[in-house]
PDB file of N, CA and C in Angstrom:
ATOM      1  N   MET A   1       2.092  10.531   4.173  1.00  0.00           N
ATOM      2  CA  MET A   1       2.283   9.840   5.857  1.00  0.00           C
ATOM      3  C   MET A   1       3.488   9.608   6.069  1.00  0.00           C
ATOM      4  N   ALA A   2       4.224   8.837   5.470  1.00  0.00           N
ATOM      5  CA  ALA A   2       5.522   8.391   5.490  1.00  0.00           C
ATOM      6  C   ALA A   2       6.433   9.615   5.793  1.00  0.00           C
ATOM      7  N   ILE A   3       5.904  10.846   5.391  1.00  0.00           N
ATOM      8  CA  ILE A   3       6.869  11.878   5.749  1.00  0.00           C
ATOM      9  C   ILE A   3       6.829  12.530   6.648  1.00  0.00           C
ATOM     10  N   GLU A   4       5.488  12.383   7.488  1.00  0.00           N
ATOM     11  CA  GLU A   4       5.035  12.704   8.769  1.00  0.00           C
ATOM     12  C   GLU A   4       5.374  11.955   9.927  1.00  0.00           C
ATOM     13  N   SER A   5       5.644  10.463   9.705  1.00  0.00           N
ATOM     14  CA  SER A   5       5.687   9.627  10.660  1.00  0.00           C
ATOM     15  C   SER A   5       7.091   8.672  10.446  1.00  0.00           C
ATOM     16  N   SER A   6       7.891   8.432  11.270  1.00  0.00           N
ATOM     17  CA  SER A   6       8.887   7.432  10.894  1.00  0.00           C
ATOM     18  C   SER A   6       8.419   5.891  11.266  1.00  0.00           C
ATOM     19  N   ASN A   7       7.243   6.061  11.580  1.00  0.00           N
ATOM     20  CA  ASN A   7       6.769   4.600  11.863  1.00  0.00           C
ATOM     21  C   ASN A   7       5.989   4.109  10.395  1.00  0.00           C
ATOM     22  N   ILE A   8       6.138   4.916   9.446  1.00  0.00           N
ATOM     23  CA  ILE A   8       5.469   4.723   8.277  1.00  0.00           C
ATOM     24  C   ILE A   8       6.577   4.577   7.130  1.00  0.00           C
ATOM     25  N   VAL A   9       6.716   3.803   6.299  1.00  0.00           N
ATOM     26  CA  VAL A   9       7.558   3.411   5.006  1.00  0.00           C
ATOM     27  C   VAL A   9       6.518   3.277   3.821  1.00  0.00           C
ATOM     28  N   ALA A  10       6.990   4.352   3.030  1.00  0.00           N
ATOM     29  CA  ALA A  10       6.463   4.032   1.775  1.00  0.00           C
ATOM     30  C   ALA A  10       7.396   3.862   0.632  1.00  0.00           C
ATOM     31  N   GLU A  11       7.147   3.126  -0.383  1.00  0.00           N
ATOM     32  CA  GLU A  11       8.115   2.574  -1.636  1.00  0.00           C
ATOM     33  C   GLU A  11       7.111   2.963  -2.858  1.00  0.00           C
ATOM     34  N   VAL A  12       7.877   3.565  -3.655  1.00  0.00           N
ATOM     35  CA  VAL A  12       7.271   3.878  -5.046  1.00  0.00           C
ATOM     36  C   VAL A  12       7.886   3.114  -5.962  1.00  0.00           C
ATOM     37  N   ILE A  13       7.402   2.062  -6.829  1.00  0.00           N
ATOM     38  CA  ILE A  13       7.800   1.163  -7.892  1.00  0.00           C
ATOM     39  C   ILE A  13       7.468   1.240  -9.349  1.00  0.00           C
ATOM     40  N   GLU A  14       8.186   1.521  -9.949  1.00  0.00           N
ATOM     41  CA  GLU A  14       7.561   1.602 -11.398  1.00  0.00           C
ATOM     42  C   GLU A  14       7.494   0.110 -12.184  1.00  0.00           C
ATOM     43  N   VAL A  15       6.177  -0.313 -11.876  1.00  0.00           N
ATOM     44  CA  VAL A  15       5.976  -1.685 -12.343  1.00  0.00           C
ATOM     45  C   VAL A  15       6.351  -2.194 -13.797  1.00  0.00           C
ATOM     46  N   ALA A  16       6.814  -1.256 -14.588  1.00  0.00           N
ATOM     47  CA  ALA A  16       7.162  -1.521 -16.000  1.00  0.00           C
ATOM     48  C   ALA A  16       8.433  -1.747 -16.318  1.00  0.00           C
ATOM     49  N   GLU A  17       9.329  -1.452 -14.901  1.00  0.00           N
ATOM     50  CA  GLU A  17      10.628  -1.475 -14.951  1.00  0.00           C
ATOM     51  C   GLU A  17      10.932  -3.081 -13.996  1.00  0.00           C
ATOM     52  N   PHE A  18       9.926  -3.407 -13.306  1.00  0.00           N
ATOM     53  CA  PHE A  18       9.758  -4.701 -12.334  1.00  0.00           C
ATOM     54  C   PHE A  18       8.810  -5.370 -12.550  1.00  0.00           C
ATOM     55  N   PRO A  19       8.539  -6.278 -13.713  1.00  0.00           N
ATOM     56  CA  PRO A  19       7.318  -6.870 -13.945  1.00  0.00           C
ATOM     57  C   PRO A  19       7.394  -8.264 -12.964  1.00  0.00           C
ATOM     58  N   ASP A  20       8.540  -8.541 -12.276  1.00  0.00           N
ATOM     59  CA  ASP A  20       8.059  -9.651 -11.194  1.00  0.00           C
ATOM     60  C   ASP A  20       7.372  -8.841 -10.108  1.00  0.00           C
ATOM     61  N   VAL A  21       7.755  -7.442  -9.736  1.00  0.00           N
ATOM     62  CA  VAL A  21       6.816  -6.992  -8.638  1.00  0.00           C
ATOM     63  C   VAL A  21       5.275  -6.965  -8.704  1.00  0.00           C
ATOM     64  N   ALA A  22       5.418  -6.451 -10.359  1.00  0.00           N
ATOM     65  CA  ALA A  22       3.789  -6.202 -10.648  1.00  0.00           C
ATOM     66  C   ALA A  22       3.039  -7.788 -10.527  1.00  0.00           C
ATOM     67  N   GLN A  23       3.715  -8.914 -11.119  1.00  0.00           N
ATOM     68  CA  GLN A  23       2.999 -10.073 -10.874  1.00  0.00           C
ATOM     69  C   GLN A  23       2.772 -10.491  -9.252  1.00  0.00           C
ATOM     70  N   ARG A  24       3.983 -10.259  -8.752  1.00  0.00           N
ATOM     71  CA  ARG A  24       3.790 -10.522  -7.414  1.00  0.00           C
ATOM     72  C   ARG A  24       2.662 -10.142  -6.463  1.00  0.00           C
ATOM     73  N   TYR A  25       2.219  -8.717  -6.900  1.00  0.00           N
ATOM     74  CA  TYR A  25       1.128  -7.986  -6.319  1.00  0.00           C
ATOM     75  C   TYR A  25       0.151  -7.919  -7.028  1.00  0.00           C
ATOM     76  N   GLN A  26       0.009  -8.455  -8.143  1.00  0.00           N
ATOM     77  CA  GLN A  26      -0.931  -8.700  -9.103  1.00  0.00           C
ATOM     78  C   GLN A  26      -1.623  -7.238  -9.299  1.00  0.00           C
ATOM     79  N   VAL A  27      -0.548  -6.526 -10.113  1.00  0.00           N
ATOM     80  CA  VAL A  27      -1.101  -5.229 -10.203  1.00  0.00           C
ATOM     81  C   VAL A  27      -1.439  -5.191 -11.557  1.00  0.00           C
ATOM     82  N   TYR A  28      -3.043  -4.663 -11.614  1.00  0.00           N
ATOM     83  CA  TYR A  28      -3.636  -4.837 -13.030  1.00  0.00           C
ATOM     84  C   TYR A  28      -3.989  -3.344 -13.263  1.00  0.00           C
ATOM     85  N   GLY A  29      -3.807  -2.167 -12.395  1.00  0.00           N
ATOM     86  CA  GLY A  29      -4.212  -0.701 -12.317  1.00  0.00           C
ATOM     87  C   GLY A  29      -3.442  -0.117 -11.757  1.00  0.00           C
ATOM     88  N   VAL A  30      -3.335   1.134 -11.666  1.00  0.00           N
ATOM     89  CA  VAL A  30      -2.523   2.107 -10.818  1.00  0.00           C
ATOM     90  C   VAL A  30      -3.590   3.304 -10.629  1.00  0.00           C
ATOM     91  N   PRO A  31      -3.083   3.686  -9.439  1.00  0.00           N
ATOM     92  CA  PRO A  31      -2.131   3.080  -8.405  1.00  0.00           C
ATOM     93  C   PRO A  31      -2.695   1.911  -7.557  1.00  0.00           C
ATOM     94  N   LYS A  32      -1.803   1.321  -7.311  1.00  0.00           N
ATOM     95  CA  LYS A  32      -1.937   0.135  -6.678  1.00  0.00           C
ATOM     96  C   LYS A  32      -1.304   0.250  -5.141  1.00  0.00           C
ATOM     97  N   VAL A  33      -1.929   0.183  -3.884  1.00  0.00           N
ATOM     98  CA  VAL A  33      -1.622   0.525  -2.776  1.00  0.00           C
ATOM     99  C   VAL A  33      -1.696  -0.983  -2.021  1.00  0.00           C
ATOM    100  N   VAL A  34      -0.403  -1.291  -1.564  1.00  0.00           N
ATOM    101  CA  VAL A  34      -0.166  -2.621  -0.696  1.00  0.00           C
ATOM    102  C   VAL A  34       0.031  -2.242   0.480  1.00  0.00           C
ATOM    103  N   LEU A  35      -0.581  -2.743   1.533  1.00  0.00           N
ATOM    104  CA  LEU A  35      -0.541  -2.313   3.040  1.00  0.00           C
ATOM    105  C   LEU A  35      -0.146  -3.688   3.855  1.00  0.00           C
ATOM    106  N   ASN A  36       1.110  -3.576   4.210  1.00  0.00           N
ATOM    107  CA  ASN A  36       1.703  -4.550   5.217  1.00  0.00           C
ATOM    108  C   ASN A  36       1.454  -6.060   4.659  1.00  0.00           C
ATOM    109  N   GLU A  37       1.750  -5.844   3.428  1.00  0.00           N
ATOM    110  CA  GLU A  37       1.949  -7.301   2.539  1.00  0.00           C
ATOM    111  C   GLU A  37       0.666  -7.854   2.564  1.00  0.00           C
ATOM    112  N   LYS A  38      -0.643  -7.819   3.599  1.00  0.00           N
ATOM    113  CA  LYS A  38      -1.813  -8.223   3.778  1.00  0.00           C
ATOM    114  C   LYS A  38      -3.085  -7.765   3.133  1.00  0.00           C
ATOM    115  N   GLN A  39      -3.115  -6.421   2.661  1.00  0.00           N
ATOM    116  CA  GLN A  39      -4.242  -5.656   2.431  1.00  0.00           C
ATOM    117  C   GLN A  39      -3.756  -4.852   0.883  1.00  0.00           C
ATOM    118  N   SER A  40      -4.499  -4.659   0.106  1.00  0.00           N
ATOM    119  CA  SER A  40      -4.279  -3.658  -0.799  1.00  0.00           C
ATOM    120  C   SER A  40      -5.301  -3.110  -1.616  1.00  0.00           C
ATOM    121  N   PHE A  41      -5.401  -2.099  -2.387  1.00  0.00           N
ATOM    122  CA  PHE A  41      -6.516  -1.759  -3.079  1.00  0.00           C
ATOM    123  C   PHE A  41      -6.007  -0.753  -4.304  1.00  0.00           C
ATOM    124  N   GLU A  42      -6.780  -1.176  -5.599  1.00  0.00           N
ATOM    125  CA  GLU A  42      -6.399  -0.152  -6.774  1.00  0.00           C
ATOM    126  C   GLU A  42      -7.225   0.903  -6.879  1.00  0.00           C
ATOM    127  N   GLY A  43      -6.599   1.892  -7.401  1.00  0.00           N
ATOM    128  CA  GLY A  43      -7.513   3.307  -7.916  1.00  0.00           C
ATOM    129  C   GLY A  43      -7.066   4.288  -6.443  1.00  0.00           C
ATOM    130  N   ALA A  44      -7.365   5.531  -7.133  1.00  0.00           N
ATOM    131  CA  ALA A  44      -7.350   6.812  -5.977  1.00  0.00           C
ATOM    132  C   ALA A  44      -8.602   6.768  -5.231  1.00  0.00           C
ATOM    133  N   LEU A  45      -8.123   6.837  -3.792  1.00  0.00           N
ATOM    134  CA  LEU A  45      -9.369   6.880  -3.134  1.00  0.00           C
ATOM    135  C   LEU A  45      -9.580   8.163  -2.485  1.00  0.00           C
ATOM    136  N   PRO A  46     -10.777   8.570  -1.973  1.00  0.00           N
ATOM    137  CA  PRO A  46     -10.798  10.112  -1.153  1.00  0.00           C
ATOM    138  C   PRO A  46      -9.957   9.822   0.179  1.00  0.00           C
ATOM    139  N   GLU A  47      -9.471  10.705   0.738  1.00  0.00           N
ATOM    140  CA  GLU A  47      -8.648  10.641   1.928  1.00  0.00           C
ATOM    141  C   GLU A  47      -9.505   9.804   2.899  1.00  0.00           C
ATOM    142  N   PRO A  48     -10.488  10.444   3.420  1.00  0.00           N
ATOM    143  CA  PRO A  48     -10.831   9.463   4.608  1.00  0.00           C
ATOM    144  C   PRO A  48     -11.095   8.172   4.304  1.00  0.00           C
ATOM    145  N   ASP A  49     -11.201   7.574   3.151  1.00  0.00           N
ATOM    146  CA  ASP A  49     -11.203   6.232   2.812  1.00  0.00           C
ATOM    147  C   ASP A  49     -10.065   5.628   2.632  1.00  0.00           C
ATOM    148  N   PHE A  50      -8.921   6.330   2.217  1.00  0.00           N
ATOM    149  CA  PHE A  50      -7.605   5.955   2.196  1.00  0.00           C
ATOM    150  C   PHE A  50      -7.153   5.655   3.794  1.00  0.00           C
ATOM    151  N   ILE A  51      -7.521   6.415   4.594  1.00  0.00           N
ATOM    152  CA  ILE A  51      -7.066   6.344   6.028  1.00  0.00           C
ATOM    153  C   ILE A  51      -7.724   5.291   6.571  1.00  0.00           C
ATOM    154  N   ASN A  52      -8.943   5.135   6.037  1.00  0.00           N
ATOM    155  CA  ASN A  52      -9.389   3.727   6.892  1.00  0.00           C
ATOM    156  C   ASN A  52      -8.697   2.495   6.609  1.00  0.00           C
ATOM    157  N   GLN A  53      -8.217   2.380   5.150  1.00  0.00           N
ATOM    158  CA  GLN A  53      -7.573   1.224   4.604  1.00  0.00           C
ATOM    159  C   GLN A  53      -6.302   1.131   5.307  1.00  0.00           C
ATOM    160  N   VAL A  54      -5.730   2.289   5.660  1.00  0.00           N
ATOM    161  CA  VAL A  54      -4.464   2.113   6.347  1.00  0.00           C
ATOM    162  C   VAL A  54      -4.900   1.839   8.135  1.00  0.00           C
ATOM    163  N   VAL A  55      -5.976   2.445   8.682  1.00  0.00           N
ATOM    164  CA  VAL A  55      -6.097   1.896   9.849  1.00  0.00           C
ATOM    165  C   VAL A  55      -6.448   0.503  10.071  1.00  0.00           C
ATOM    166  N   GLN A  56      -6.911   0.204   8.835  1.00  0.00           N
ATOM    167  CA  GLN A  56      -7.542  -1.470   8.949  1.00  0.00           C
ATOM    168  C   GLN A  56      -6.234  -2.406   8.900  1.00  0.00           C
ATOM    169  N   ALA A  57      -5.240  -1.932   7.890  1.00  0.00           N
ATOM    170  CA  ALA A  57      -3.987  -2.677   7.705  1.00  0.00           C
ATOM    171  C   ALA A  57      -2.961  -2.845   9.044  1.00  0.00           C
ATOM    172  N   SER A  58      -3.543  -1.647   9.691  1.00  0.00           N
ATOM    173  CA  SER A  58      -2.473  -1.320  11.018  1.00  0.00           C
ATOM    174  C   SER A  58      -2.922  -2.482  11.939  1.00  0.00           C
ATOM    175  N   SER A  59      -4.321  -2.385  12.282  1.00  0.00           N
ATOM    176  CA  SER A  59      -4.688  -3.465  12.990  1.00  0.00           C
ATOM    177  C   SER A  59      -4.439  -4.727  12.722  1.00  0.00           C
ATOM    178  N   LEU A  60      -4.018  -5.114  11.425  1.00  0.00           N
ATOM    179  CA  LEU A  60      -3.749  -6.404  11.112  1.00  0.00           C
ATOM    180  C   LEU A  60      -2.312  -6.874  11.411  1.00  0.00           C
ATOM    181  N   VAL A  61      -1.431  -5.789  12.105  1.00  0.00           N
ATOM    182  CA  VAL A  61      -0.142  -6.100  12.415  1.00  0.00           C
ATOM    183  C   VAL A  61       0.023  -6.633  13.567  1.00  0.00           C
ATOM    184  N   THR A  62       1.013  -7.794  13.832  1.00  0.00           N
ATOM    185  CA  THR A  62       1.302  -8.126  15.077  1.00  0.00           C
ATOM    186  C   THR A  62       2.125  -7.300  15.931  1.00  0.00           C
ATOM    187  N   ARG A  63       2.047  -6.985  16.950  1.00  0.00           N
ATOM    188  CA  ARG A  63       2.896  -6.155  17.877  1.00  0.00           C
ATOM    189  C   ARG A  63       3.549  -6.930  18.940  1.00  0.00           C
ATOM    190  N   VAL A  64       4.667  -6.437  19.051  1.00  0.00           N
ATOM    191  CA  VAL A  64       5.972  -7.311  19.738  1.00  0.00           C
ATOM    192  C   VAL A  64       6.036  -6.613  20.854  1.00  0.00           C
TER     193      VAL A  64
END
Protein backbone atom coordinates (compact mmCIF):
# COMPACT_ATOMS: atom_id res chain seq x y z
CA MET A 1 0.00 0.00 0.00
CA ALA A 2 2.79 2.41 0.88
CA ILE A 3 4.34 1.89 -2.54
CA GLU A 4 1.09 2.86 -4.25
CA SER A 5 0.07 5.81 -2.06
CA SER A 6 2.03 8.73 -0.68
CA ASN A 7 -0.60 8.91 2.09
CA ILE A 8 0.62 5.64 3.59
CA VAL A 9 3.94 5.16 5.35
CA ALA A 10 5.36 1.74 6.17
CA GLU A 11 8.37 0.82 8.28
CA VAL A 12 9.92 -2.59 8.77
CA ILE A 13 11.82 -3.03 12.03
CA GLU A 14 13.97 -6.00 13.02
CA VAL A 15 12.93 -6.30 16.66
CA ALA A 16 15.87 -8.55 17.50
CA GLU A 17 18.04 -5.50 16.84
CA PHE A 18 15.68 -3.10 18.64
CA PRO A 19 14.32 -4.86 21.75
CA ASP A 20 13.03 -1.57 23.13
CA VAL A 21 10.72 -1.28 20.12
CA ALA A 22 9.59 -4.89 20.59
CA GLN A 23 8.74 -4.12 24.20
CA ARG A 24 7.00 -0.84 23.35
CA TYR A 25 4.68 -2.56 20.85
CA GLN A 26 4.43 -5.83 22.79
CA VAL A 27 5.73 -7.96 19.93
CA TYR A 28 5.26 -11.63 20.81
CA GLY A 29 4.98 -12.97 17.27
CA VAL A 30 5.70 -11.91 13.74
CA PRO A 31 4.53 -10.40 11.59
CA LYS A 32 3.20 -7.72 13.91
CA VAL A 33 1.39 -4.84 12.24
CA VAL A 34 0.76 -1.62 14.13
CA LEU A 35 -1.62 0.86 12.52
CA ASN A 36 -1.62 4.52 13.56
CA GLU A 37 -0.22 3.63 16.99
CA LYS A 38 -3.78 2.62 18.01
CA GLN A 39 -4.54 -0.75 16.45
CA SER A 40 -2.41 -3.83 15.86
CA PHE A 41 -2.56 -7.48 14.95
CA GLU A 42 -0.15 -10.39 14.73
CA GLY A 43 0.10 -13.00 12.05
CA ALA A 44 -0.53 -13.03 8.34
CA LEU A 45 -4.08 -12.09 7.42
CA PRO A 46 -5.86 -12.78 4.15
CA GLU A 47 -5.83 -9.63 2.01
CA PRO A 48 -9.52 -8.69 2.58
CA ASP A 49 -9.03 -8.93 6.36
CA PHE A 50 -5.83 -6.87 6.17
CA ILE A 51 -7.64 -4.18 4.18
CA ASN A 52 -10.46 -4.15 6.75
CA GLN A 53 -7.92 -3.58 9.53
CA VAL A 54 -6.38 -0.66 7.60
CA VAL A 55 -9.79 0.89 6.92
CA GLN A 56 -10.75 0.58 10.60
CA ALA A 57 -7.48 2.17 11.68
CA SER A 58 -7.93 5.02 9.21
CA SER A 59 -11.29 5.81 10.77
CA LEU A 60 -9.49 6.31 14.11
CA VAL A 61 -7.35 9.13 12.68
CA THR A 62 -8.41 12.65 13.57
CA ARG A 63 -8.59 14.68 10.41
CA VAL A 64 -7.56 18.35 10.49
